[in-house]
Amino acid sequence: SSCRDLRHTWFYDQHIHGETGVVVTFTERENFFDGRFVNKNNETI
């Protein structure tokens, strides 16, 4: 619904790879659009 009236869309994947045997837990993600802060997500990866 948030994109219902916004017809211009772009799709891509971000592949995040662990380079060692050590576990890494991300708890915060900051998103930027055209150099401006958009939002922060707190899902755990």
ModelCIF file with pLDDT and N, C-alpha, C, O atoms, coordinates in Angstrom:
data_MODEL
#
_entry.id   MODEL 
#
_entity.id                         1 
_entity.type                       polymer 
_entity.pdbx_number_of_molecules   1 
#
_entity_poly.entity_id                      1 
_entity_poly.type                           'polypeptide(L)' 
_entity_poly.nstd_linkage                   no 
_entity_poly.nstd_monomer                   no 
_entity_poly.pdbx_seq_one_letter_code       SSCRDLRHTWFYDQHIHGETGVVVTFTERENFFDGRFVNKNNETI 
_entity_poly.pdbx_seq_one_letter_code_can   SSCRDLRHTWFYDQHIHGETGVVVTFTERENFFDGRFVNKNNETI 
_entity_poly.pdbx_strand_id                 A 
#
loop_
_entity_poly_seq.entity_id 
_entity_poly_seq.num 
_entity_poly_seq.mon_id 
_entity_poly_seq.hetero 
1 1  SER n 
1 2  SER n 
1 3  CYS n 
1 4  ARG n 
1 5  ASP n 
1 6  LEU n 
1 7  ARG n 
1 8  HIS n 
1 9  THR n 
1 10 TRP n 
1 11 PHE n 
1 12 TYR n 
1 13 ASP n 
1 14 GLN n 
1 15 HIS n 
1 16 ILE n 
1 17 HIS n 
1 18 GLY n 
1 19 GLU n 
1 20 THR n 
1 21 GLY n 
1 22 VAL n 
1 23 VAL n 
1 24 VAL n 
1 25 THR n 
1 26 PHE n 
1 27 THR n 
1 28 GLU n 
1 29 ARG n 
1 30 GLU n 
1 31 ASN n 
1 32 PHE n 
1 33 PHE n 
1 34 ASP n 
1 35 GLY n 
1 36 ARG n 
1 37 PHE n 
1 38 VAL n 
1 39 ASN n 
1 40 LYS n 
1 41 ASN n 
1 42 ASN n 
1 43 GLU n 
1 44 THR n 
1 45 ILE n 
#
_struct_asym.id          A 
_struct_asym.entity_id   1 
#
loop_
_ma_qa_metric.id 
_ma_qa_metric.mode 
_ma_qa_metric.name 
_ma_qa_metric.software_group_id 
_ma_qa_metric.type 
1 global pLDDT . pLDDT 
2 local  pLDDT . pLDDT 
#
_ma_qa_metric_global.metric_id      1 
_ma_qa_metric_global.metric_value   89.38 
_ma_qa_metric_global.model_id       1 
_ma_qa_metric_global.ordinal_id     1 
#
loop_
_ma_qa_metric_local.label_asym_id 
_ma_qa_metric_local.label_comp_id 
_ma_qa_metric_local.label_seq_id 
_ma_qa_metric_local.metric_id 
_ma_qa_metric_local.metric_value 
_ma_qa_metric_local.model_id 
_ma_qa_metric_local.ordinal_id 
A SER 1  2 77.00 1 1  
A SER 2  2 76.00 1 2  
A CYS 3  2 78.00 1 3  
A ARG 4  2 80.00 1 4  
A ASP 5  2 81.00 1 5  
A LEU 6  2 82.00 1 6  
A ARG 7  2 85.00 1 7  
A HIS 8  2 86.00 1 8  
A THR 9  2 88.00 1 9  
A TRP 10 2 89.00 1 10 
A PHE 11 2 90.00 1 11 
A TYR 12 2 90.00 1 12 
A ASP 13 2 90.00 1 13 
A GLN 14 2 90.00 1 14 
A HIS 15 2 90.00 1 15 
A ILE 16 2 92.00 1 16 
A HIS 17 2 92.00 1 17 
A GLY 18 2 93.00 1 18 
A GLU 19 2 95.00 1 19 
A THR 20 2 95.00 1 20 
A GLY 21 2 94.00 1 21 
A VAL 22 2 96.00 1 22 
A VAL 23 2 95.00 1 23 
A VAL 24 2 95.00 1 24 
A THR 25 2 96.00 1 25 
A PHE 26 2 95.00 1 26 
A THR 27 2 97.00 1 27 
A GLU 28 2 97.00 1 28 
A ARG 29 2 93.00 1 29 
A GLU 30 2 93.00 1 30 
A ASN 31 2 89.00 1 31 
A PHE 32 2 89.00 1 32 
A PHE 33 2 86.00 1 33 
A ASP 34 2 86.00 1 34 
A GLY 35 2 88.00 1 35 
A ARG 36 2 86.00 1 36 
A PHE 37 2 89.00 1 37 
A VAL 38 2 86.00 1 38 
A ASN 39 2 88.00 1 39 
A LYS 40 2 91.00 1 40 
A ASN 41 2 90.00 1 41 
A ASN 42 2 90.00 1 42 
A GLU 43 2 89.00 1 43 
A THR 44 2 93.00 1 44 
A ILE 45 2 92.00 1 45 
#
loop_
_atom_site.group_PDB 
_atom_site.id 
_atom_site.type_symbol 
_atom_site.label_atom_id 
_atom_site.label_alt_id 
_atom_site.label_comp_id 
_atom_site.label_asym_id 
_atom_site.label_entity_id 
_atom_site.label_seq_id 
_atom_site.pdbx_PDB_ins_code 
_atom_site.Cartn_x 
_atom_site.Cartn_y 
_atom_site.Cartn_z 
_atom_site.occupancy 
_atom_site.B_iso_or_equiv 
_atom_site.pdbx_formal_charge 
_atom_site.auth_seq_id 
_atom_site.auth_comp_id 
_atom_site.auth_asym_id 
_atom_site.auth_atom_id 
_atom_site.pdbx_PDB_model_num 
ATOM 1   N N  . SER A 1 1  ? 0.816  -1.209  0.000   1.00 77.00 ? 1  SER A N  1 
ATOM 2   C CA . SER A 1 1  ? 0.000  0.000   0.000   1.00 77.00 ? 1  SER A CA 1 
ATOM 3   C C  . SER A 1 1  ? 0.851  1.261   0.000   1.00 77.00 ? 1  SER A C  1 
ATOM 4   O O  . SER A 1 1  ? 0.445  2.280   -0.559  1.00 77.00 ? 1  SER A O  1 
ATOM 5   N N  . SER A 1 2  ? 2.036  1.205   0.626   1.00 76.00 ? 2  SER A N  1 
ATOM 6   C CA . SER A 1 2  ? 2.890  2.390   0.706   1.00 76.00 ? 2  SER A CA 1 
ATOM 7   C C  . SER A 1 2  ? 3.400  2.816   -0.665  1.00 76.00 ? 2  SER A C  1 
ATOM 8   O O  . SER A 1 2  ? 3.719  3.987   -0.870  1.00 76.00 ? 2  SER A O  1 
ATOM 9   N N  . CYS A 1 3  ? 3.482  1.869   -1.611  1.00 78.00 ? 3  CYS A N  1 
ATOM 10  C CA . CYS A 1 3  ? 3.968  2.190   -2.953  1.00 78.00 ? 3  CYS A CA 1 
ATOM 11  C C  . CYS A 1 3  ? 2.833  2.226   -3.982  1.00 78.00 ? 3  CYS A C  1 
ATOM 12  O O  . CYS A 1 3  ? 3.099  2.298   -5.181  1.00 78.00 ? 3  CYS A O  1 
ATOM 13  N N  . ARG A 1 4  ? 1.608  2.180   -3.546  1.00 80.00 ? 4  ARG A N  1 
ATOM 14  C CA . ARG A 1 4  ? 0.469  2.069   -4.460  1.00 80.00 ? 4  ARG A CA 1 
ATOM 15  C C  . ARG A 1 4  ? 0.441  3.203   -5.475  1.00 80.00 ? 4  ARG A C  1 
ATOM 16  O O  . ARG A 1 4  ? 0.154  2.972   -6.649  1.00 80.00 ? 4  ARG A O  1 
ATOM 17  N N  . ASP A 1 5  ? 0.736  4.423   -5.040  1.00 81.00 ? 5  ASP A N  1 
ATOM 18  C CA . ASP A 1 5  ? 0.685  5.580   -5.927  1.00 81.00 ? 5  ASP A CA 1 
ATOM 19  C C  . ASP A 1 5  ? 2.070  6.045   -6.378  1.00 81.00 ? 5  ASP A C  1 
ATOM 20  O O  . ASP A 1 5  ? 2.208  7.117   -6.965  1.00 81.00 ? 5  ASP A O  1 
ATOM 21  N N  . LEU A 1 6  ? 3.088  5.240   -6.104  1.00 82.00 ? 6  LEU A N  1 
ATOM 22  C CA . LEU A 1 6  ? 4.467  5.574   -6.482  1.00 82.00 ? 6  LEU A CA 1 
ATOM 23  C C  . LEU A 1 6  ? 4.929  4.539   -7.507  1.00 82.00 ? 6  LEU A C  1 
ATOM 24  O O  . LEU A 1 6  ? 5.443  3.482   -7.141  1.00 82.00 ? 6  LEU A O  1 
ATOM 25  N N  . ARG A 1 7  ? 4.743  4.848   -8.794  1.00 85.00 ? 7  ARG A N  1 
ATOM 26  C CA . ARG A 1 7  ? 4.860  3.820   -9.825  1.00 85.00 ? 7  ARG A CA 1 
ATOM 27  C C  . ARG A 1 7  ? 6.279  3.571   -10.313 1.00 85.00 ? 7  ARG A C  1 
ATOM 28  O O  . ARG A 1 7  ? 6.495  2.669   -11.122 1.00 85.00 ? 7  ARG A O  1 
ATOM 29  N N  . HIS A 1 8  ? 7.251  4.345   -9.845  1.00 86.00 ? 8  HIS A N  1 
ATOM 30  C CA . HIS A 1 8  ? 8.633  4.142   -10.284 1.00 86.00 ? 8  HIS A CA 1 
ATOM 31  C C  . HIS A 1 8  ? 9.356  3.278   -9.256  1.00 86.00 ? 8  HIS A C  1 
ATOM 32  O O  . HIS A 1 8  ? 9.487  3.662   -8.094  1.00 86.00 ? 8  HIS A O  1 
ATOM 33  N N  . THR A 1 9  ? 9.824  2.112   -9.688  1.00 88.00 ? 9  THR A N  1 
ATOM 34  C CA . THR A 1 9  ? 10.394 1.131   -8.757  1.00 88.00 ? 9  THR A CA 1 
ATOM 35  C C  . THR A 1 9  ? 11.732 0.607   -9.260  1.00 88.00 ? 9  THR A C  1 
ATOM 36  O O  . THR A 1 9  ? 11.988 0.576   -10.463 1.00 88.00 ? 9  THR A O  1 
ATOM 37  N N  . TRP A 1 10 ? 12.577 0.199   -8.327  1.00 89.00 ? 10 TRP A N  1 
ATOM 38  C CA . TRP A 1 10 ? 13.884 -0.377  -8.607  1.00 89.00 ? 10 TRP A CA 1 
ATOM 39  C C  . TRP A 1 10 ? 14.105 -1.557  -7.652  1.00 89.00 ? 10 TRP A C  1 
ATOM 40  O O  . TRP A 1 10 ? 13.750 -1.479  -6.476  1.00 89.00 ? 10 TRP A O  1 
ATOM 41  N N  . PHE A 1 11 ? 14.692 -2.647  -8.158  1.00 90.00 ? 11 PHE A N  1 
ATOM 42  C CA . PHE A 1 11 ? 14.886 -3.866  -7.377  1.00 90.00 ? 11 PHE A CA 1 
ATOM 43  C C  . PHE A 1 11 ? 16.356 -4.292  -7.432  1.00 90.00 ? 11 PHE A C  1 
ATOM 44  O O  . PHE A 1 11 ? 16.955 -4.317  -8.507  1.00 90.00 ? 11 PHE A O  1 
ATOM 45  N N  . TYR A 1 12 ? 16.933 -4.625  -6.284  1.00 90.00 ? 12 TYR A N  1 
ATOM 46  C CA . TYR A 1 12 ? 18.286 -5.190  -6.264  1.00 90.00 ? 12 TYR A CA 1 
ATOM 47  C C  . TYR A 1 12 ? 18.486 -5.987  -4.981  1.00 90.00 ? 12 TYR A C  1 
ATOM 48  O O  . TYR A 1 12 ? 17.706 -5.869  -4.035  1.00 90.00 ? 12 TYR A O  1 
ATOM 49  N N  . ASP A 1 13 ? 19.540 -6.800  -4.960  1.00 90.00 ? 13 ASP A N  1 
ATOM 50  C CA . ASP A 1 13 ? 19.884 -7.610  -3.792  1.00 90.00 ? 13 ASP A CA 1 
ATOM 51  C C  . ASP A 1 13 ? 21.207 -7.140  -3.197  1.00 90.00 ? 13 ASP A C  1 
ATOM 52  O O  . ASP A 1 13 ? 22.131 -6.756  -3.914  1.00 90.00 ? 13 ASP A O  1 
ATOM 53  N N  . GLN A 1 14 ? 21.274 -7.180  -1.867  1.00 90.00 ? 14 GLN A N  1 
ATOM 54  C CA . GLN A 1 14 ? 22.524 -6.922  -1.161  1.00 90.00 ? 14 GLN A CA 1 
ATOM 55  C C  . GLN A 1 14 ? 23.000 -8.244  -0.555  1.00 90.00 ? 14 GLN A C  1 
ATOM 56  O O  . GLN A 1 14 ? 22.349 -8.797  0.332   1.00 90.00 ? 14 GLN A O  1 
ATOM 57  N N  . HIS A 1 15 ? 24.134 -8.746  -1.037  1.00 90.00 ? 15 HIS A N  1 
ATOM 58  C CA . HIS A 1 15 ? 24.694 -10.015 -0.569  1.00 90.00 ? 15 HIS A CA 1 
ATOM 59  C C  . HIS A 1 15 ? 25.720 -9.707  0.522   1.00 90.00 ? 15 HIS A C  1 
ATOM 60  O O  . HIS A 1 15 ? 26.768 -9.122  0.249   1.00 90.00 ? 15 HIS A O  1 
ATOM 61  N N  . ILE A 1 16 ? 25.416 -10.101 1.742   1.00 92.00 ? 16 ILE A N  1 
ATOM 62  C CA . ILE A 1 16 ? 26.284 -9.845  2.895   1.00 92.00 ? 16 ILE A CA 1 
ATOM 63  C C  . ILE A 1 16 ? 26.950 -11.164 3.261   1.00 92.00 ? 16 ILE A C  1 
ATOM 64  O O  . ILE A 1 16 ? 26.270 -12.107 3.666   1.00 92.00 ? 16 ILE A O  1 
ATOM 65  N N  . HIS A 1 17 ? 28.260 -11.241 3.125   1.00 92.00 ? 17 HIS A N  1 
ATOM 66  C CA . HIS A 1 17 ? 28.966 -12.506 3.296   1.00 92.00 ? 17 HIS A CA 1 
ATOM 67  C C  . HIS A 1 17 ? 29.973 -12.431 4.430   1.00 92.00 ? 17 HIS A C  1 
ATOM 68  O O  . HIS A 1 17 ? 30.733 -11.468 4.533   1.00 92.00 ? 17 HIS A O  1 
ATOM 69  N N  . GLY A 1 18 ? 29.977 -13.460 5.291   1.00 93.00 ? 18 GLY A N  1 
ATOM 70  C CA . GLY A 1 18 ? 30.960 -13.564 6.354   1.00 93.00 ? 18 GLY A CA 1 
ATOM 71  C C  . GLY A 1 18 ? 32.269 -14.098 5.817   1.00 93.00 ? 18 GLY A C  1 
ATOM 72  O O  . GLY A 1 18 ? 32.290 -15.174 5.220   1.00 93.00 ? 18 GLY A O  1 
ATOM 73  N N  . GLU A 1 19 ? 33.354 -13.385 6.009   1.00 95.00 ? 19 GLU A N  1 
ATOM 74  C CA . GLU A 1 19 ? 34.650 -13.758 5.462   1.00 95.00 ? 19 GLU A CA 1 
ATOM 75  C C  . GLU A 1 19 ? 35.467 -14.631 6.407   1.00 95.00 ? 19 GLU A C  1 
ATOM 76  O O  . GLU A 1 19 ? 36.548 -15.089 6.035   1.00 95.00 ? 19 GLU A O  1 
ATOM 77  N N  . THR A 1 20 ? 34.973 -14.871 7.626   1.00 95.00 ? 20 THR A N  1 
ATOM 78  C CA . THR A 1 20 ? 35.692 -15.712 8.590   1.00 95.00 ? 20 THR A CA 1 
ATOM 79  C C  . THR A 1 20 ? 34.701 -16.681 9.225   1.00 95.00 ? 20 THR A C  1 
ATOM 80  O O  . THR A 1 20 ? 33.512 -16.656 8.904   1.00 95.00 ? 20 THR A O  1 
ATOM 81  N N  . GLY A 1 21 ? 35.181 -17.525 10.113  1.00 94.00 ? 21 GLY A N  1 
ATOM 82  C CA . GLY A 1 21 ? 34.311 -18.445 10.840  1.00 94.00 ? 21 GLY A CA 1 
ATOM 83  C C  . GLY A 1 21 ? 33.645 -17.826 12.046  1.00 94.00 ? 21 GLY A C  1 
ATOM 84  O O  . GLY A 1 21 ? 32.965 -18.517 12.805  1.00 94.00 ? 21 GLY A O  1 
ATOM 85  N N  . VAL A 1 22 ? 33.833 -16.526 12.234  1.00 96.00 ? 22 VAL A N  1 
ATOM 86  C CA . VAL A 1 22 ? 33.280 -15.827 13.399  1.00 96.00 ? 22 VAL A CA 1 
ATOM 87  C C  . VAL A 1 22 ? 31.872 -15.330 13.094  1.00 96.00 ? 22 VAL A C  1 
ATOM 88  O O  . VAL A 1 22 ? 31.632 -14.733 12.044  1.00 96.00 ? 22 VAL A O  1 
ATOM 89  N N  . VAL A 1 23 ? 30.946 -15.578 14.013  1.00 95.00 ? 23 VAL A N  1 
ATOM 90  C CA . VAL A 1 23 ? 29.567 -15.129 13.857  1.00 95.00 ? 23 VAL A CA 1 
ATOM 91  C C  . VAL A 1 23 ? 29.489 -13.611 14.022  1.00 95.00 ? 23 VAL A C  1 
ATOM 92  O O  . VAL A 1 23 ? 30.094 -13.043 14.931  1.00 95.00 ? 23 VAL A O  1 
ATOM 93  N N  . VAL A 1 24 ? 28.736 -12.963 13.128  1.00 95.00 ? 24 VAL A N  1 
ATOM 94  C CA . VAL A 1 24 ? 28.497 -11.522 13.213  1.00 95.00 ? 24 VAL A CA 1 
ATOM 95  C C  . VAL A 1 24 ? 26.987 -11.298 13.275  1.00 95.00 ? 24 VAL A C  1 
ATOM 96  O O  . VAL A 1 24 ? 26.240 -11.863 12.478  1.00 95.00 ? 24 VAL A O  1 
ATOM 97  N N  . THR A 1 25 ? 26.546 -10.482 14.214  1.00 96.00 ? 25 THR A N  1 
ATOM 98  C CA . THR A 1 25 ? 25.123 -10.174 14.357  1.00 96.00 ? 25 THR A CA 1 
ATOM 99  C C  . THR A 1 25 ? 24.901 -8.686  14.152  1.00 96.00 ? 25 THR A C  1 
ATOM 100 O O  . THR A 1 25 ? 25.397 -7.865  14.924  1.00 96.00 ? 25 THR A O  1 
ATOM 101 N N  . PHE A 1 26 ? 24.145 -8.335  13.100  1.00 95.00 ? 26 PHE A N  1 
ATOM 102 C CA . PHE A 1 26 ? 23.786 -6.946  12.849  1.00 95.00 ? 26 PHE A CA 1 
ATOM 103 C C  . PHE A 1 26 ? 22.433 -6.664  13.495  1.00 95.00 ? 26 PHE A C  1 
ATOM 104 O O  . PHE A 1 26 ? 21.485 -7.431  13.325  1.00 95.00 ? 26 PHE A O  1 
ATOM 105 N N  . THR A 1 27 ? 22.347 -5.573  14.229  1.00 97.00 ? 27 THR A N  1 
ATOM 106 C CA . THR A 1 27 ? 21.104 -5.225  14.924  1.00 97.00 ? 27 THR A CA 1 
ATOM 107 C C  . THR A 1 27 ? 20.536 -3.880  14.480  1.00 97.00 ? 27 THR A C  1 
ATOM 108 O O  . THR A 1 27 ? 19.482 -3.460  14.957  1.00 97.00 ? 27 THR A O  1 
ATOM 109 N N  . GLU A 1 28 ? 21.233 -3.206  13.567  1.00 97.00 ? 28 GLU A N  1 
ATOM 110 C CA . GLU A 1 28 ? 20.772 -1.893  13.129  1.00 97.00 ? 28 GLU A CA 1 
ATOM 111 C C  . GLU A 1 28 ? 21.172 -1.677  11.675  1.00 97.00 ? 28 GLU A C  1 
ATOM 112 O O  . GLU A 1 28 ? 22.271 -2.039  11.255  1.00 97.00 ? 28 GLU A O  1 
ATOM 113 N N  . ARG A 1 29 ? 20.263 -1.082  10.921  1.00 93.00 ? 29 ARG A N  1 
ATOM 114 C CA . ARG A 1 29 ? 20.522 -0.804  9.516   1.00 93.00 ? 29 ARG A CA 1 
ATOM 115 C C  . ARG A 1 29 ? 20.028 0.605   9.203   1.00 93.00 ? 29 ARG A C  1 
ATOM 116 O O  . ARG A 1 29 ? 18.856 0.914   9.418   1.00 93.00 ? 29 ARG A O  1 
ATOM 117 N N  . GLU A 1 30 ? 20.922 1.464   8.693   1.00 93.00 ? 30 GLU A N  1 
ATOM 118 C CA . GLU A 1 30 ? 20.574 2.834   8.334   1.00 93.00 ? 30 GLU A CA 1 
ATOM 119 C C  . GLU A 1 30 ? 20.492 2.955   6.810   1.00 93.00 ? 30 GLU A C  1 
ATOM 120 O O  . GLU A 1 30 ? 21.414 2.549   6.103   1.00 93.00 ? 30 GLU A O  1 
ATOM 121 N N  . ASN A 1 31 ? 19.393 3.511   6.310   1.00 89.00 ? 31 ASN A N  1 
ATOM 122 C CA . ASN A 1 31 ? 19.164 3.621   4.875   1.00 89.00 ? 31 ASN A CA 1 
ATOM 123 C C  . ASN A 1 31 ? 19.281 5.074   4.425   1.00 89.00 ? 31 ASN A C  1 
ATOM 124 O O  . ASN A 1 31 ? 18.753 5.976   5.074   1.00 89.00 ? 31 ASN A O  1 
ATOM 125 N N  . PHE A 1 32 ? 19.977 5.293   3.308   1.00 89.00 ? 32 PHE A N  1 
ATOM 126 C CA . PHE A 1 32 ? 20.183 6.633   2.766   1.00 89.00 ? 32 PHE A CA 1 
ATOM 127 C C  . PHE A 1 32 ? 19.715 6.680   1.315   1.00 89.00 ? 32 PHE A C  1 
ATOM 128 O O  . PHE A 1 32 ? 19.934 5.744   0.546   1.00 89.00 ? 32 PHE A O  1 
ATOM 129 N N  . PHE A 1 33 ? 19.069 7.783   0.956   1.00 86.00 ? 33 PHE A N  1 
ATOM 130 C CA . PHE A 1 33 ? 18.548 7.977   -0.397  1.00 86.00 ? 33 PHE A CA 1 
ATOM 131 C C  . PHE A 1 33 ? 18.994 9.351   -0.882  1.00 86.00 ? 33 PHE A C  1 
ATOM 132 O O  . PHE A 1 33 ? 18.656 10.366  -0.272  1.00 86.00 ? 33 PHE A O  1 
ATOM 133 N N  . ASP A 1 34 ? 19.763 9.386   -1.994  1.00 86.00 ? 34 ASP A N  1 
ATOM 134 C CA . ASP A 1 34 ? 20.320 10.635  -2.513  1.00 86.00 ? 34 ASP A CA 1 
ATOM 135 C C  . ASP A 1 34 ? 21.102 11.391  -1.445  1.00 86.00 ? 34 ASP A C  1 
ATOM 136 O O  . ASP A 1 34 ? 21.054 12.619  -1.382  1.00 86.00 ? 34 ASP A O  1 
ATOM 137 N N  . GLY A 1 35 ? 21.820 10.653  -0.610  1.00 88.00 ? 35 GLY A N  1 
ATOM 138 C CA . GLY A 1 35 ? 22.678 11.257  0.401   1.00 88.00 ? 35 GLY A CA 1 
ATOM 139 C C  . GLY A 1 35 ? 21.974 11.702  1.659   1.00 88.00 ? 35 GLY A C  1 
ATOM 140 O O  . GLY A 1 35 ? 22.600 12.287  2.543   1.00 88.00 ? 35 GLY A O  1 
ATOM 141 N N  . ARG A 1 36 ? 20.659 11.432  1.760   1.00 86.00 ? 36 ARG A N  1 
ATOM 142 C CA . ARG A 1 36 ? 19.896 11.845  2.936   1.00 86.00 ? 36 ARG A CA 1 
ATOM 143 C C  . ARG A 1 36 ? 19.447 10.631  3.730   1.00 86.00 ? 36 ARG A C  1 
ATOM 144 O O  . ARG A 1 36 ? 19.103 9.594   3.164   1.00 86.00 ? 36 ARG A O  1 
ATOM 145 N N  . PHE A 1 37 ? 19.454 10.773  5.054   1.00 89.00 ? 37 PHE A N  1 
ATOM 146 C CA . PHE A 1 37 ? 18.972 9.701   5.920   1.00 89.00 ? 37 PHE A CA 1 
ATOM 147 C C  . PHE A 1 37 ? 17.471 9.509   5.708   1.00 89.00 ? 37 PHE A C  1 
ATOM 148 O O  . PHE A 1 37 ? 16.706 10.473  5.717   1.00 89.00 ? 37 PHE A O  1 
ATOM 149 N N  . VAL A 1 38 ? 17.060 8.250   5.516   1.00 86.00 ? 38 VAL A N  1 
ATOM 150 C CA . VAL A 1 38 ? 15.657 7.932   5.273   1.00 86.00 ? 38 VAL A CA 1 
ATOM 151 C C  . VAL A 1 38 ? 15.027 7.268   6.484   1.00 86.00 ? 38 VAL A C  1 
ATOM 152 O O  . VAL A 1 38 ? 14.004 7.732   6.987   1.00 86.00 ? 38 VAL A O  1 
ATOM 153 N N  . ASN A 1 39 ? 15.634 6.180   6.957   1.00 88.00 ? 39 ASN A N  1 
ATOM 154 C CA . ASN A 1 39 ? 15.092 5.521   8.141   1.00 88.00 ? 39 ASN A CA 1 
ATOM 155 C C  . ASN A 1 39 ? 16.111 4.551   8.724   1.00 88.00 ? 39 ASN A C  1 
ATOM 156 O O  . ASN A 1 39 ? 17.176 4.318   8.151   1.00 88.00 ? 39 ASN A O  1 
ATOM 157 N N  . LYS A 1 40 ? 15.758 3.995   9.875   1.00 91.00 ? 40 LYS A N  1 
ATOM 158 C CA . LYS A 1 40 ? 16.602 3.011   10.550  1.00 91.00 ? 40 LYS A CA 1 
ATOM 159 C C  . LYS A 1 40 ? 15.764 1.782   10.842  1.00 91.00 ? 40 LYS A C  1 
ATOM 160 O O  . LYS A 1 40 ? 14.661 1.887   11.379  1.00 91.00 ? 40 LYS A O  1 
ATOM 161 N N  . ASN A 1 41 ? 16.293 0.602   10.485  1.00 90.00 ? 41 ASN A N  1 
ATOM 162 C CA . ASN A 1 41 ? 15.633 -0.672  10.772  1.00 90.00 ? 41 ASN A CA 1 
ATOM 163 C C  . ASN A 1 41 ? 16.406 -1.400  11.861  1.00 90.00 ? 41 ASN A C  1 
ATOM 164 O O  . ASN A 1 41 ? 17.637 -1.394  11.866  1.00 90.00 ? 41 ASN A O  1 
ATOM 165 N N  . ASN A 1 42 ? 15.688 -2.023  12.774  1.00 90.00 ? 42 ASN A N  1 
ATOM 166 C CA . ASN A 1 42 ? 16.335 -2.705  13.895  1.00 90.00 ? 42 ASN A CA 1 
ATOM 167 C C  . ASN A 1 42 ? 16.170 -4.214  13.856  1.00 90.00 ? 42 ASN A C  1 
ATOM 168 O O  . ASN A 1 42 ? 16.335 -4.876  14.881  1.00 90.00 ? 42 ASN A O  1 
ATOM 169 N N  . GLU A 1 43 ? 15.843 -4.779  12.681  1.00 89.00 ? 43 GLU A N  1 
ATOM 170 C CA . GLU A 1 43 ? 15.789 -6.243  12.588  1.00 89.00 ? 43 GLU A CA 1 
ATOM 171 C C  . GLU A 1 43 ? 17.178 -6.833  12.833  1.00 89.00 ? 43 GLU A C  1 
ATOM 172 O O  . GLU A 1 43 ? 18.190 -6.220  12.495  1.00 89.00 ? 43 GLU A O  1 
ATOM 173 N N  . THR A 1 44 ? 17.215 -8.017  13.417  1.00 93.00 ? 44 THR A N  1 
ATOM 174 C CA . THR A 1 44 ? 18.484 -8.699  13.671  1.00 93.00 ? 44 THR A CA 1 
ATOM 175 C C  . THR A 1 44 ? 18.836 -9.602  12.498  1.00 93.00 ? 44 THR A C  1 
ATOM 176 O O  . THR A 1 44 ? 18.034 -10.445 12.097  1.00 93.00 ? 44 THR A O  1 
ATOM 177 N N  . ILE A 1 45 ? 20.020 -9.431  11.955  1.00 92.00 ? 45 ILE A N  1 
ATOM 178 C CA . ILE A 1 45 ? 20.553 -10.307 10.922  1.00 92.00 ? 45 ILE A CA 1 
ATOM 179 C C  . ILE A 1 45 ? 21.747 -11.038 11.529  1.00 92.00 ? 45 ILE A C  1 
ATOM 180 O O  . ILE A 1 45 ? 22.383 -11.848 10.854  1.00 92.00 ? 45 ILE A O  1 
#
